[in-house]
Amino acid sequence: MFAWRCATVAKLKRKATLLSVAWLIDCLCWKKGYAYATDSYISQVLGIQLNHVQAALTKLEQDGAIIRASVSDNGKPQRRIWPSTKIIPPEDWGYGYPRRLDSRCPRRSGATKSSARDTPSNI
């Protein structure tokens, strides 16, 4: 999440509403890896008008900072919001990501050699 936070600040500097919504989403993602807050909840917690929250979420999604989707949770639709790796520059892919894969690099089970599957966006 550190790389996501840095990329978000770099992309959205001086846009207080966008950063406030992004930070709240970040905090809400700590437990499950995604946020499921409604627009009205975000509006209430941050003290931002509902239409500004909706505009901020749309802008964050357009800029590649978040991904929004609806899933079924016990038969009820629930919106989920995930931080997106699209906003993170490739050179900032997490702490210690190896520049090249070799025999000393950990791999997912079943991966026996360096391939396109081993790129950060697929790990």
Protein backbone atom coordinates (compact mmCIF):
# COMPACT_ATOMS: atom_id res chain seq x y z
CA MET A 1 0.00 0.00 0.00
CA PHE A 2 2.94 2.36 0.51
CA ALA A 3 3.64 2.53 -3.23
CA TRP A 4 -0.08 3.14 -3.88
CA ARG A 5 -0.16 5.98 -1.33
CA CYS A 6 2.90 7.65 -2.84
CA ALA A 7 1.59 7.32 -6.40
CA THR A 8 -1.81 8.67 -5.33
CA VAL A 9 -0.27 11.75 -3.73
CA ALA A 10 1.95 12.34 -6.77
CA LYS A 11 -1.00 12.09 -9.16
CA LEU A 12 -3.56 14.01 -7.07
CA LYS A 13 -1.48 16.67 -5.31
CA ARG A 14 -3.44 19.76 -4.35
CA LYS A 15 -6.78 18.01 -4.80
CA ALA A 16 -7.94 17.78 -1.19
CA THR A 17 -11.30 16.08 -1.82
CA LEU A 18 -9.73 13.35 -3.96
CA LEU A 19 -6.97 12.74 -1.44
CA SER A 20 -9.43 12.66 1.47
CA VAL A 21 -11.57 10.04 -0.27
CA ALA A 22 -8.48 8.05 -1.29
CA TRP A 23 -7.13 8.07 2.28
CA LEU A 24 -10.44 6.89 3.70
CA ILE A 25 -10.57 4.08 1.14
CA ASP A 26 -7.01 3.17 2.10
CA CYS A 27 -7.96 2.93 5.78
CA LEU A 28 -11.10 0.94 5.03
CA CYS A 29 -9.07 -1.56 2.97
CA TRP A 30 -6.76 -2.52 5.85
CA LYS A 31 -8.90 -5.36 7.19
CA LYS A 32 -10.18 -7.11 4.05
CA GLY A 33 -8.15 -5.61 1.21
CA TYR A 34 -11.15 -3.71 -0.12
CA ALA A 35 -13.63 -1.08 1.05
CA TYR A 36 -17.38 -1.53 0.92
CA ALA A 37 -18.46 1.88 2.17
CA THR A 38 -21.41 3.56 0.53
CA ASP A 39 -21.15 7.02 -0.97
CA SER A 40 -23.33 8.39 1.84
CA TYR A 41 -21.05 6.82 4.49
CA ILE A 42 -17.98 8.41 2.89
CA SER A 43 -19.85 11.73 2.69
CA GLN A 44 -20.83 11.58 6.35
CA VAL A 45 -17.42 10.52 7.68
CA LEU A 46 -15.48 13.13 5.71
CA GLY A 47 -18.06 15.92 5.86
CA ILE A 48 -18.05 16.21 2.06
CA GLN A 49 -21.20 16.72 -0.01
CA LEU A 50 -22.50 13.51 -1.58
CA ASN A 51 -22.15 14.77 -5.15
CA HIS A 52 -18.51 15.67 -4.44
CA VAL A 53 -17.86 12.15 -3.09
CA GLN A 54 -19.41 10.64 -6.21
CA ALA A 55 -17.34 12.90 -8.46
CA ALA A 56 -14.19 12.05 -6.48
CA LEU A 57 -14.79 8.30 -6.78
CA THR A 58 -15.35 8.66 -10.52
CA LYS A 59 -12.13 10.69 -10.89
CA LEU A 60 -10.13 8.22 -8.77
CA GLU A 61 -11.37 5.39 -10.95
CA GLN A 62 -10.62 7.28 -14.19
CA ASP A 63 -7.11 8.10 -12.95
CA GLY A 64 -6.43 4.43 -12.19
CA ALA A 65 -6.24 4.83 -8.39
CA ILE A 66 -9.20 2.56 -7.56
CA ILE A 67 -11.30 -0.22 -9.03
CA ARG A 68 -15.01 -0.37 -8.25
CA ALA A 69 -17.19 -3.42 -8.77
CA SER A 70 -20.42 -4.87 -7.47
CA VAL A 71 -20.45 -8.38 -6.00
CA SER A 72 -23.11 -10.52 -4.43
CA ASP A 73 -22.74 -10.91 -0.67
CA ASN A 74 -25.29 -13.35 0.75
CA GLY A 75 -27.59 -12.60 -2.17
CA LYS A 76 -27.34 -8.83 -1.74
CA PRO A 77 -25.35 -6.62 -4.12
CA GLN A 78 -22.42 -4.90 -2.44
CA ARG A 79 -20.09 -2.36 -4.03
CA ARG A 80 -16.43 -2.98 -3.35
CA ILE A 81 -13.54 -0.61 -3.90
CA TRP A 82 -9.96 -1.81 -4.28
CA PRO A 83 -6.76 0.22 -4.56
CA SER A 84 -5.50 -0.21 -8.14
CA THR A 85 -1.94 -0.97 -9.15
CA LYS A 86 -2.48 0.96 -12.41
CA ILE A 87 -1.47 4.20 -10.68
CA ILE A 88 1.85 2.83 -9.39
CA PRO A 89 4.83 3.48 -11.69
CA PRO A 90 6.59 0.20 -12.67
CA GLU A 91 9.83 1.26 -10.96
CA ASP A 92 7.99 1.55 -7.62
CA TRP A 93 6.61 -1.99 -7.55
CA GLY A 94 6.95 -2.61 -3.88
CA TYR A 95 9.94 -2.87 -1.64
CA GLY A 96 12.64 -5.21 -2.81
CA TYR A 97 11.07 -6.37 -6.06
CA PRO A 98 13.94 -7.91 -8.02
CA ARG A 99 15.05 -6.26 -11.26
CA ARG A 100 15.50 -9.68 -12.87
CA LEU A 101 14.31 -13.06 -11.82
CA ASP A 102 16.90 -15.74 -11.14
CA SER A 103 17.16 -18.92 -9.10
CA ARG A 104 17.34 -16.96 -5.81
CA CYS A 105 13.99 -15.21 -6.38
CA PRO A 106 10.91 -16.69 -4.73
CA ARG A 107 8.22 -17.76 -7.15
CA ARG A 108 4.64 -18.84 -6.96
CA SER A 109 4.18 -22.59 -6.91
CA GLY A 110 4.29 -24.02 -10.40
CA ALA A 111 6.43 -21.23 -11.83
CA THR A 112 9.67 -22.83 -12.90
CA LYS A 113 11.26 -20.10 -14.99
CA SER A 114 11.04 -16.38 -15.59
CA SER A 115 8.11 -15.49 -17.78
CA ALA A 116 5.49 -12.84 -18.38
CA ARG A 117 3.54 -14.45 -15.54
CA ASP A 118 6.21 -13.25 -13.10
CA THR A 119 5.68 -9.55 -13.71
CA PRO A 120 4.46 -7.46 -10.77
CA SER A 121 1.01 -6.98 -12.24
CA ASN A 122 0.46 -10.73 -12.16
CA ILE A 123 1.94 -11.54 -8.74
